[in-house]
Full PDB file with SEQRES, HELIX, SHEET, SSBOND, CRYST1, ORIGX, SCALE, CONECT and MASTER records, all heavy atoms in Angstrom:
SEQRES   1 A   41  PRO PRO GLY VAL GLU VAL VAL ARG GLY ASP TYR ALA ASP          
SEQRES   2 A   41  PRO GLY SER LEU THR ALA ALA SER ALA GLY VAL SER ALA          
SEQRES   3 A   41  VAL PHE LEU VAL THR PRO PRO GLY PRO GLU ALA ALA ARG          
SEQRES   4 A   41  TYR ASP                                                      
HELIX    1 AA1 PRO A   14  SER A   21  1                                   8    
HELIX    2 AA2 ALA A   37  TYR A   40  1                                   4    
CRYST1    1.000    1.000    1.000  90.00  90.00  90.00 P 1           1          
ORIGX1      1.000000  0.000000  0.000000        0.00000                         
ORIGX2      0.000000  1.000000  0.000000        0.00000                         
ORIGX3      0.000000  0.000000  1.000000        0.00000                         
SCALE1      1.000000  0.000000  0.000000        0.00000                         
SCALE2      0.000000  1.000000  0.000000        0.00000                         
SCALE3      0.000000  0.000000  1.000000        0.00000                         
ATOM      1  N   PRO A   1      -3.694  79.259   8.961  1.00  0.00           N  
ATOM      2  CA  PRO A   1      -3.804  79.803   7.618  1.00  0.00           C  
ATOM      3  C   PRO A   1      -2.604  79.465   6.731  1.00  0.00           C  
ATOM      4  O   PRO A   1      -1.484  79.258   7.230  1.00  0.00           O  
ATOM      5  CB  PRO A   1      -3.836  81.334   7.863  1.00  0.00           C  
ATOM      6  CG  PRO A   1      -4.228  81.509   9.288  1.00  0.00           C  
ATOM      7  CD  PRO A   1      -3.694  80.285   9.998  1.00  0.00           C  
ATOM      8  N   PRO A   2      -2.836  79.463   5.430  1.00  0.00           N  
ATOM      9  CA  PRO A   2      -1.736  79.224   4.467  1.00  0.00           C  
ATOM     10  C   PRO A   2      -0.660  80.283   4.660  1.00  0.00           C  
ATOM     11  O   PRO A   2      -0.947  81.422   4.990  1.00  0.00           O  
ATOM     12  CB  PRO A   2      -2.389  79.377   3.106  1.00  0.00           C  
ATOM     13  CG  PRO A   2      -3.862  79.226   3.358  1.00  0.00           C  
ATOM     14  CD  PRO A   2      -4.099  79.659   4.759  1.00  0.00           C  
ATOM     15  N   GLY A   3       0.578  79.880   4.480  1.00  0.00           N  
ATOM     16  CA  GLY A   3       1.692  80.802   4.606  1.00  0.00           C  
ATOM     17  C   GLY A   3       2.293  80.841   5.994  1.00  0.00           C  
ATOM     18  O   GLY A   3       3.398  81.353   6.177  1.00  0.00           O  
ATOM     19  N   VAL A   4       1.597  80.310   6.978  1.00  0.00           N  
ATOM     20  CA  VAL A   4       2.141  80.262   8.332  1.00  0.00           C  
ATOM     21  C   VAL A   4       3.052  79.058   8.416  1.00  0.00           C  
ATOM     22  O   VAL A   4       2.668  77.923   8.062  1.00  0.00           O  
ATOM     23  CB  VAL A   4       1.018  80.169   9.397  1.00  0.00           C  
ATOM     24  CG1 VAL A   4       1.602  79.894  10.780  1.00  0.00           C  
ATOM     25  CG2 VAL A   4       0.158  81.425   9.388  1.00  0.00           C  
ATOM     26  N   GLU A   5       4.273  79.289   8.890  1.00  0.00           N  
ATOM     27  CA  GLU A   5       5.226  78.182   9.055  1.00  0.00           C  
ATOM     28  C   GLU A   5       4.948  77.512  10.411  1.00  0.00           C  
ATOM     29  O   GLU A   5       4.966  78.174  11.457  1.00  0.00           O  
ATOM     30  CB  GLU A   5       6.658  78.717   9.049  1.00  0.00           C  
ATOM     31  CG  GLU A   5       7.708  77.644   9.223  1.00  0.00           C  
ATOM     32  CD  GLU A   5       9.107  78.232   9.308  1.00  0.00           C  
ATOM     33  OE1 GLU A   5       9.297  79.429   8.989  1.00  0.00           O  
ATOM     34  OE2 GLU A   5      10.006  77.468   9.684  1.00  0.00           O  
ATOM     35  N   VAL A   6       4.629  76.254  10.385  1.00  0.00           N  
ATOM     36  CA  VAL A   6       4.307  75.508  11.616  1.00  0.00           C  
ATOM     37  C   VAL A   6       5.509  74.661  11.986  1.00  0.00           C  
ATOM     38  O   VAL A   6       6.018  73.876  11.157  1.00  0.00           O  
ATOM     39  CB  VAL A   6       3.058  74.621  11.445  1.00  0.00           C  
ATOM     40  CG1 VAL A   6       2.756  73.883  12.741  1.00  0.00           C  
ATOM     41  CG2 VAL A   6       1.864  75.481  11.026  1.00  0.00           C  
ATOM     42  N   VAL A   7       5.969  74.808  13.227  1.00  0.00           N  
ATOM     43  CA  VAL A   7       7.148  74.057  13.679  1.00  0.00           C  
ATOM     44  C   VAL A   7       6.840  73.344  14.993  1.00  0.00           C  
ATOM     45  O   VAL A   7       6.015  73.795  15.791  1.00  0.00           O  
ATOM     46  CB  VAL A   7       8.386  74.943  13.884  1.00  0.00           C  
ATOM     47  CG1 VAL A   7       8.842  75.539  12.574  1.00  0.00           C  
ATOM     48  CG2 VAL A   7       8.159  76.032  14.906  1.00  0.00           C  
ATOM     49  N   ARG A   8       7.483  72.208  15.197  1.00  0.00           N  
ATOM     50  CA  ARG A   8       7.334  71.469  16.437  1.00  0.00           C  
ATOM     51  C   ARG A   8       8.220  72.101  17.521  1.00  0.00           C  
ATOM     52  O   ARG A   8       9.373  72.432  17.272  1.00  0.00           O  
ATOM     53  CB  ARG A   8       7.745  70.009  16.241  1.00  0.00           C  
ATOM     54  CG  ARG A   8       7.465  69.155  17.462  1.00  0.00           C  
ATOM     55  CD  ARG A   8       8.406  67.935  17.527  1.00  0.00           C  
ATOM     56  NE  ARG A   8       8.489  67.443  18.859  1.00  0.00           N  
ATOM     57  CZ  ARG A   8       9.270  67.967  19.831  1.00  0.00           C  
ATOM     58  NH1 ARG A   8      10.009  68.992  19.630  1.00  0.00           N  
ATOM     59  NH2 ARG A   8       9.271  67.432  21.035  1.00  0.00           N  
ATOM     60  N   GLY A   9       7.659  72.213  18.686  1.00  0.00           N  
ATOM     61  CA  GLY A   9       8.457  72.699  19.804  1.00  0.00           C  
ATOM     62  C   GLY A   9       7.807  72.280  21.117  1.00  0.00           C  
ATOM     63  O   GLY A   9       6.585  72.125  21.188  1.00  0.00           O  
ATOM     64  N   ASP A  10       8.634  72.079  22.092  1.00  0.00           N  
ATOM     65  CA  ASP A  10       8.151  71.721  23.436  1.00  0.00           C  
ATOM     66  C   ASP A  10       9.032  72.406  24.447  1.00  0.00           C  
ATOM     67  O   ASP A  10      10.248  72.391  24.340  1.00  0.00           O  
ATOM     68  CB  ASP A  10       8.265  70.200  23.569  1.00  0.00           C  
ATOM     69  CG  ASP A  10       7.539  69.672  24.814  1.00  0.00           C  
ATOM     70  OD1 ASP A  10       7.718  70.256  25.897  1.00  0.00           O  
ATOM     71  OD2 ASP A  10       6.798  68.690  24.695  1.00  0.00           O  
ATOM     72  N   TYR A  11       8.399  73.035  25.411  1.00  0.00           N  
ATOM     73  CA  TYR A  11       9.168  73.761  26.455  1.00  0.00           C  
ATOM     74  C   TYR A  11      10.154  72.848  27.185  1.00  0.00           C  
ATOM     75  O   TYR A  11      11.164  73.305  27.669  1.00  0.00           O  
ATOM     76  CB  TYR A  11       8.232  74.393  27.471  1.00  0.00           C  
ATOM     77  CG  TYR A  11       7.412  75.549  26.893  1.00  0.00           C  
ATOM     78  CD1 TYR A  11       6.051  75.410  26.632  1.00  0.00           C  
ATOM     79  CD2 TYR A  11       8.033  76.749  26.590  1.00  0.00           C  
ATOM     80  CE1 TYR A  11       5.322  76.464  26.122  1.00  0.00           C  
ATOM     81  CE2 TYR A  11       7.314  77.809  26.086  1.00  0.00           C  
ATOM     82  CZ  TYR A  11       5.954  77.659  25.835  1.00  0.00           C  
ATOM     83  OH  TYR A  11       5.234  78.697  25.333  1.00  0.00           O  
ATOM     84  N   ALA A  12       9.868  71.566  27.223  1.00  0.00           N  
ATOM     85  CA  ALA A  12      10.750  70.625  27.911  1.00  0.00           C  
ATOM     86  C   ALA A  12      11.912  70.183  27.025  1.00  0.00           C  
ATOM     87  O   ALA A  12      12.790  69.449  27.452  1.00  0.00           O  
ATOM     88  CB  ALA A  12       9.963  69.394  28.382  1.00  0.00           C  
ATOM     89  N   ASP A  13      11.963  70.622  25.776  1.00  0.00           N  
ATOM     90  CA  ASP A  13      12.982  70.276  24.816  1.00  0.00           C  
ATOM     91  C   ASP A  13      13.691  71.547  24.324  1.00  0.00           C  
ATOM     92  O   ASP A  13      13.262  72.154  23.339  1.00  0.00           O  
ATOM     93  CB  ASP A  13      12.381  69.518  23.648  1.00  0.00           C  
ATOM     94  CG  ASP A  13      13.360  69.146  22.572  1.00  0.00           C  
ATOM     95  OD1 ASP A  13      14.585  69.385  22.721  1.00  0.00           O  
ATOM     96  OD2 ASP A  13      12.903  68.599  21.519  1.00  0.00           O  
ATOM     97  N   PRO A  14      14.730  71.978  25.031  1.00  0.00           N  
ATOM     98  CA  PRO A  14      15.403  73.252  24.671  1.00  0.00           C  
ATOM     99  C   PRO A  14      15.865  73.292  23.224  1.00  0.00           C  
ATOM    100  O   PRO A  14      15.821  74.362  22.600  1.00  0.00           O  
ATOM    101  CB  PRO A  14      16.567  73.348  25.648  1.00  0.00           C  
ATOM    102  CG  PRO A  14      16.188  72.486  26.793  1.00  0.00           C  
ATOM    103  CD  PRO A  14      15.334  71.377  26.222  1.00  0.00           C  
ATOM    104  N   GLY A  15      16.295  72.190  22.677  1.00  0.00           N  
ATOM    105  CA  GLY A  15      16.759  72.167  21.292  1.00  0.00           C  
ATOM    106  C   GLY A  15      15.655  72.529  20.317  1.00  0.00           C  
ATOM    107  O   GLY A  15      15.893  73.251  19.333  1.00  0.00           O  
ATOM    108  N   SER A  16      14.429  72.104  20.598  1.00  0.00           N  
ATOM    109  CA  SER A  16      13.318  72.445  19.709  1.00  0.00           C  
ATOM    110  C   SER A  16      13.000  73.939  19.798  1.00  0.00           C  
ATOM    111  O   SER A  16      12.610  74.538  18.807  1.00  0.00           O  
ATOM    112  CB  SER A  16      12.069  71.602  20.035  1.00  0.00           C  
ATOM    113  OG  SER A  16      11.494  72.008  21.293  1.00  0.00           O  
ATOM    114  N   LEU A  17      13.167  74.517  20.970  1.00  0.00           N  
ATOM    115  CA  LEU A  17      12.923  75.951  21.143  1.00  0.00           C  
ATOM    116  C   LEU A  17      13.981  76.773  20.419  1.00  0.00           C  
ATOM    117  O   LEU A  17      13.664  77.785  19.796  1.00  0.00           O  
ATOM    118  CB  LEU A  17      12.894  76.322  22.608  1.00  0.00           C  
ATOM    119  CG  LEU A  17      11.795  75.620  23.437  1.00  0.00           C  
ATOM    120  CD1 LEU A  17      11.895  76.039  24.897  1.00  0.00           C  
ATOM    121  CD2 LEU A  17      10.406  75.896  22.886  1.00  0.00           C  
ATOM    122  N   THR A  18      15.238  76.319  20.477  1.00  0.00           N  
ATOM    123  CA  THR A  18      16.305  77.036  19.794  1.00  0.00           C  
ATOM    124  C   THR A  18      16.084  76.990  18.287  1.00  0.00           C  
ATOM    125  O   THR A  18      16.203  77.998  17.611  1.00  0.00           O  
ATOM    126  CB  THR A  18      17.671  76.404  20.164  1.00  0.00           C  
ATOM    127  OG1 THR A  18      17.847  76.531  21.583  1.00  0.00           O  
ATOM    128  CG2 THR A  18      18.813  77.122  19.426  1.00  0.00           C  
ATOM    129  N   ALA A  19      15.729  75.824  17.761  1.00  0.00           N  
ATOM    130  CA  ALA A  19      15.464  75.698  16.334  1.00  0.00           C  
ATOM    131  C   ALA A  19      14.290  76.576  15.913  1.00  0.00           C  
ATOM    132  O   ALA A  19      14.335  77.240  14.884  1.00  0.00           O  
ATOM    133  CB  ALA A  19      15.176  74.224  15.982  1.00  0.00           C  
ATOM    134  N   ALA A  20      13.236  76.607  16.720  1.00  0.00           N  
ATOM    135  CA  ALA A  20      12.059  77.404  16.380  1.00  0.00           C  
ATOM    136  C   ALA A  20      12.350  78.897  16.426  1.00  0.00           C  
ATOM    137  O   ALA A  20      11.737  79.682  15.713  1.00  0.00           O  
ATOM    138  CB  ALA A  20      10.929  77.081  17.345  1.00  0.00           C  
ATOM    139  N   SER A  21      13.329  79.304  17.249  1.00  0.00           N  
ATOM    140  CA  SER A  21      13.659  80.701  17.410  1.00  0.00           C  
ATOM    141  C   SER A  21      14.610  81.238  16.336  1.00  0.00           C  
ATOM    142  O   SER A  21      14.773  82.446  16.211  1.00  0.00           O  
ATOM    143  CB  SER A  21      14.285  80.924  18.790  1.00  0.00           C  
ATOM    144  OG  SER A  21      13.391  80.595  19.818  1.00  0.00           O  
ATOM    145  N   ALA A  22      15.245  80.340  15.594  1.00  0.00           N  
ATOM    146  CA  ALA A  22      16.220  80.767  14.603  1.00  0.00           C  
ATOM    147  C   ALA A  22      15.597  81.685  13.573  1.00  0.00           C  
ATOM    148  O   ALA A  22      14.582  81.370  12.972  1.00  0.00           O  
ATOM    149  CB  ALA A  22      16.832  79.526  13.918  1.00  0.00           C  
ATOM    150  N   GLY A  23      16.174  82.835  13.393  1.00  0.00           N  
ATOM    151  CA  GLY A  23      15.732  83.789  12.360  1.00  0.00           C  
ATOM    152  C   GLY A  23      14.542  84.630  12.728  1.00  0.00           C  
ATOM    153  O   GLY A  23      14.061  85.381  11.883  1.00  0.00           O  
ATOM    154  N   VAL A  24      14.052  84.541  13.946  1.00  0.00           N  
ATOM    155  CA  VAL A  24      12.900  85.362  14.285  1.00  0.00           C  
ATOM    156  C   VAL A  24      13.329  86.738  14.853  1.00  0.00           C  
ATOM    157  O   VAL A  24      14.441  86.852  15.410  1.00  0.00           O  
ATOM    158  CB  VAL A  24      11.947  84.674  15.316  1.00  0.00           C  
ATOM    159  CG1 VAL A  24      11.458  83.359  14.764  1.00  0.00           C  
ATOM    160  CG2 VAL A  24      12.579  84.504  16.656  1.00  0.00           C  
ATOM    161  N   SER A  25      12.512  87.713  14.687  1.00  0.00           N  
ATOM    162  CA  SER A  25      12.819  89.044  15.199  1.00  0.00           C  
ATOM    163  C   SER A  25      11.960  89.395  16.407  1.00  0.00           C  
ATOM    164  O   SER A  25      12.228  90.363  17.124  1.00  0.00           O  
ATOM    165  CB  SER A  25      12.618  90.102  14.118  1.00  0.00           C  
ATOM    166  OG  SER A  25      11.295  90.060  13.648  1.00  0.00           O  
ATOM    167  N   ALA A  26      10.909  88.614  16.636  1.00  0.00           N  
ATOM    168  CA  ALA A  26      10.018  88.874  17.782  1.00  0.00           C  
ATOM    169  C   ALA A  26       9.323  87.560  18.161  1.00  0.00           C  
ATOM    170  O   ALA A  26       9.161  86.653  17.331  1.00  0.00           O  
ATOM    171  CB  ALA A  26       8.938  89.889  17.416  1.00  0.00           C  
ATOM    172  N   VAL A  27       8.933  87.478  19.424  1.00  0.00           N  
ATOM    173  CA  VAL A  27       8.253  86.300  19.942  1.00  0.00           C  
ATOM    174  C   VAL A  27       7.031  86.739  20.709  1.00  0.00           C  
ATOM    175  O   VAL A  27       7.094  87.669  21.536  1.00  0.00           O  
ATOM    176  CB  VAL A  27       9.178  85.480  20.878  1.00  0.00           C  
ATOM    177  CG1 VAL A  27       8.411  84.313  21.493  1.00  0.00           C  
ATOM    178  CG2 VAL A  27      10.423  85.016  20.176  1.00  0.00           C  
ATOM    179  N   PHE A  28       5.891  86.089  20.441  1.00  0.00           N  
ATOM    180  CA  PHE A  28       4.692  86.236  21.246  1.00  0.00           C  
ATOM    181  C   PHE A  28       4.622  84.998  22.120  1.00  0.00           C  
ATOM    182  O   PHE A  28       4.431  83.878  21.627  1.00  0.00           O  
ATOM    183  CB  PHE A  28       3.441  86.341  20.366  1.00  0.00           C  
ATOM    184  CG  PHE A  28       2.202  86.592  21.167  1.00  0.00           C  
ATOM    185  CD1 PHE A  28       1.818  87.867  21.502  1.00  0.00           C  
ATOM    186  CD2 PHE A  28       1.415  85.511  21.600  1.00  0.00           C  
ATOM    187  CE1 PHE A  28       0.675  88.089  22.286  1.00  0.00           C  
ATOM    188  CE2 PHE A  28       0.269  85.742  22.362  1.00  0.00           C  
ATOM    189  CZ  PHE A  28      -0.098  87.027  22.678  1.00  0.00           C  
ATOM    190  N   LEU A  29       4.871  85.183  23.383  1.00  0.00           N  
ATOM    191  CA  LEU A  29       5.015  84.064  24.322  1.00  0.00           C  
ATOM    192  C   LEU A  29       3.731  83.844  25.094  1.00  0.00           C  
ATOM    193  O   LEU A  29       3.286  84.710  25.844  1.00  0.00           O  
ATOM    194  CB  LEU A  29       6.187  84.358  25.266  1.00  0.00           C  
ATOM    195  CG  LEU A  29       6.460  83.391  26.394  1.00  0.00           C  
ATOM    196  CD1 LEU A  29       6.752  82.013  25.868  1.00  0.00           C  
ATOM    197  CD2 LEU A  29       7.644  83.903  27.237  1.00  0.00           C  
ATOM    198  N   VAL A  30       3.158  82.657  24.901  1.00  0.00           N  
ATOM    199  CA  VAL A  30       2.016  82.208  25.679  1.00  0.00           C  
ATOM    200  C   VAL A  30       2.441  80.933  26.367  1.00  0.00           C  
ATOM    201  O   VAL A  30       2.822  79.969  25.695  1.00  0.00           O  
ATOM    202  CB  VAL A  30       0.778  81.928  24.782  1.00  0.00           C  
ATOM    203  CG1 VAL A  30      -0.387  81.411  25.633  1.00  0.00           C  
ATOM    204  CG2 VAL A  30       0.374  83.130  24.006  1.00  0.00           C  
ATOM    205  N   THR A  31       2.412  80.943  27.676  1.00  0.00           N  
ATOM    206  CA  THR A  31       2.825  79.759  28.433  1.00  0.00           C  
ATOM    207  C   THR A  31       1.616  79.149  29.119  1.00  0.00           C  
ATOM    208  O   THR A  31       0.789  79.871  29.650  1.00  0.00           O  
ATOM    209  CB  THR A  31       3.838  80.153  29.506  1.00  0.00           C  
ATOM    210  OG1 THR A  31       4.634  81.207  29.040  1.00  0.00           O  
ATOM    211  CG2 THR A  31       4.759  79.006  29.851  1.00  0.00           C  
ATOM    212  N   PRO A  32       1.544  77.821  29.126  1.00  0.00           N  
ATOM    213  CA  PRO A  32       0.435  77.212  29.837  1.00  0.00           C  
ATOM    214  C   PRO A  32       0.534  77.523  31.347  1.00  0.00           C  
ATOM    215  O   PRO A  32       1.645  77.543  31.887  1.00  0.00           O  
ATOM    216  CB  PRO A  32       0.611  75.713  29.591  1.00  0.00           C  
ATOM    217  CG  PRO A  32       2.001  75.534  29.051  1.00  0.00           C  
ATOM    218  CD  PRO A  32       2.453  76.847  28.520  1.00  0.00           C  
ATOM    219  N   PRO A  33      -0.590  77.832  31.968  1.00  0.00           N  
ATOM    220  CA  PRO A  33      -0.535  78.145  33.405  1.00  0.00           C  
ATOM    221  C   PRO A  33      -0.153  76.912  34.217  1.00  0.00           C  
ATOM    222  O   PRO A  33      -0.346  75.777  33.790  1.00  0.00           O  
ATOM    223  CB  PRO A  33      -1.975  78.560  33.717  1.00  0.00           C  
ATOM    224  CG  PRO A  33      -2.804  77.939  32.660  1.00  0.00           C  
ATOM    225  CD  PRO A  33      -1.928  77.832  31.452  1.00  0.00           C  
ATOM    226  N   GLY A  34       0.463  77.174  35.340  1.00  0.00           N  
ATOM    227  CA  GLY A  34       0.814  76.064  36.236  1.00  0.00           C  
ATOM    228  C   GLY A  34       2.157  76.334  36.880  1.00  0.00           C  
ATOM    229  O   GLY A  34       2.812  77.356  36.620  1.00  0.00           O  
ATOM    230  N   PRO A  35       2.580  75.380  37.654  1.00  0.00           N  
ATOM    231  CA  PRO A  35       3.823  75.560  38.437  1.00  0.00           C  
ATOM    232  C   PRO A  35       5.083  75.635  37.574  1.00  0.00           C  
ATOM    233  O   PRO A  35       6.097  76.125  38.022  1.00  0.00           O  
ATOM    234  CB  PRO A  35       3.852  74.350  39.355  1.00  0.00           C  
ATOM    235  CG  PRO A  35       2.955  73.363  38.729  1.00  0.00           C  
ATOM    236  CD  PRO A  35       1.931  74.144  37.946  1.00  0.00           C  
ATOM    237  N   GLU A  36       5.016  75.185  36.344  1.00  0.00           N  
ATOM    238  CA  GLU A  36       6.185  75.184  35.464  1.00  0.00           C  
ATOM    239  C   GLU A  36       6.259  76.444  34.572  1.00  0.00           C  
ATOM    240  O   GLU A  36       7.227  76.596  33.816  1.00  0.00           O  
ATOM    241  CB  GLU A  36       6.200  73.942  34.576  1.00  0.00           C  
ATOM    242  CG  GLU A  36       6.294  72.633  35.331  1.00  0.00           C  
ATOM    243  CD  GLU A  36       7.591  72.513  36.093  1.00  0.00           C  
ATOM    244  OE1 GLU A  36       8.635  72.934  35.581  1.00  0.00           O  
ATOM    245  OE2 GLU A  36       7.562  71.964  37.222  1.00  0.00           O  
ATOM    246  N   ALA A  37       5.294  77.330  34.679  1.00  0.00           N  
ATOM    247  CA  ALA A  37       5.216  78.479  33.766  1.00  0.00           C  
ATOM    248  C   ALA A  37       6.495  79.328  33.761  1.00  0.00           C  
ATOM    249  O   ALA A  37       6.997  79.660  32.682  1.00  0.00           O  
ATOM    250  CB  ALA A  37       4.008  79.346  34.120  1.00  0.00           C  
ATOM    251  N   ALA A  38       7.038  79.636  34.912  1.00  0.00           N  
ATOM    252  CA  ALA A  38       8.256  80.455  34.940  1.00  0.00           C  
ATOM    253  C   ALA A  38       9.432  79.722  34.278  1.00  0.00           C  
ATOM    254  O   ALA A  38      10.210  80.336  33.553  1.00  0.00           O  
ATOM    255  CB  ALA A  38       8.595  80.825  36.390  1.00  0.00           C  
ATOM    256  N   ARG A  39       9.531  78.435  34.506  1.00  0.00           N  
ATOM    257  CA  ARG A  39      10.607  77.654  33.880  1.00  0.00           C  
ATOM    258  C   ARG A  39      10.425  77.618  32.360  1.00  0.00           C  
ATOM    259  O   ARG A  39      11.400  77.727  31.606  1.00  0.00           O  
ATOM    260  CB  ARG A  39      10.636  76.221  34.454  1.00  0.00           C  
ATOM    261  CG  ARG A  39      11.798  75.386  33.941  1.00  0.00           C  
ATOM    262  CD  ARG A  39      11.916  74.061  34.683  1.00  0.00           C  
ATOM    263  NE  ARG A  39      10.798  73.171  34.410  1.00  0.00           N  
ATOM    264  CZ  ARG A  39      10.729  72.328  33.377  1.00  0.00           C  
ATOM    265  NH1 ARG A  39      11.737  72.265  32.535  1.00  0.00           N  
ATOM    266  NH2 ARG A  39       9.702  71.544  33.202  1.00  0.00           N  
ATOM    267  N   TYR A  40       9.209  77.485  31.912  1.00  0.00           N  
ATOM    268  CA  TYR A  40       8.943  77.451  30.471  1.00  0.00           C  
ATOM    269  C   TYR A  40       9.270  78.806  29.843  1.00  0.00           C  
ATOM    270  O   TYR A  40       9.874  78.888  28.766  1.00  0.00           O  
ATOM    271  CB  TYR A  40       7.467  77.117  30.202  1.00  0.00           C  
ATOM    272  CG  TYR A  40       7.079  75.692  30.546  1.00  0.00           C  
ATOM    273  CD1 TYR A  40       5.750  75.375  30.723  1.00  0.00           C  
ATOM    274  CD2 TYR A  40       8.012  74.688  30.667  1.00  0.00           C  
ATOM    275  CE1 TYR A  40       5.353  74.086  31.027  1.00  0.00           C  
ATOM    276  CE2 TYR A  40       7.630  73.378  30.964  1.00  0.00           C  
ATOM    277  CZ  TYR A  40       6.298  73.104  31.157  1.00  0.00           C  
ATOM    278  OH  TYR A  40       5.900  71.812  31.463  1.00  0.00           O  
ATOM    279  N   ASP A  41       8.858  79.914  30.505  1.00  0.00           N  
ATOM    280  CA  ASP A  41       9.180  81.258  29.999  1.00  0.00           C  
ATOM    281  C   ASP A  41      10.700  81.415  29.868  1.00  0.00           C  
ATOM    282  O   ASP A  41      11.201  81.906  28.846  1.00  0.00           O  
ATOM    283  CB  ASP A  41       8.628  82.328  30.920  1.00  0.00           C  
ATOM    284  CG  ASP A  41       7.118  82.481  30.856  1.00  0.00           C  
ATOM    285  OD1 ASP A  41       6.487  81.884  29.951  1.00  0.00           O  
ATOM    286  OD2 ASP A  41       6.575  83.184  31.732  1.00  0.00           O  
TER     287      ASP A  41                                                      
MASTER        0    0    0    2    0    0    0    6  286    1    0    4          
END                                                                             
């Protein structure tokens, strides 16, 4: 929807996650299932 800020991020790229997290007060975390889920979380 309009007004939603869309940012690039990849669990394998910590810098992208840090940038995406800047200025947020809450996170809704959905992780793809699989053996890497805990690492991604």
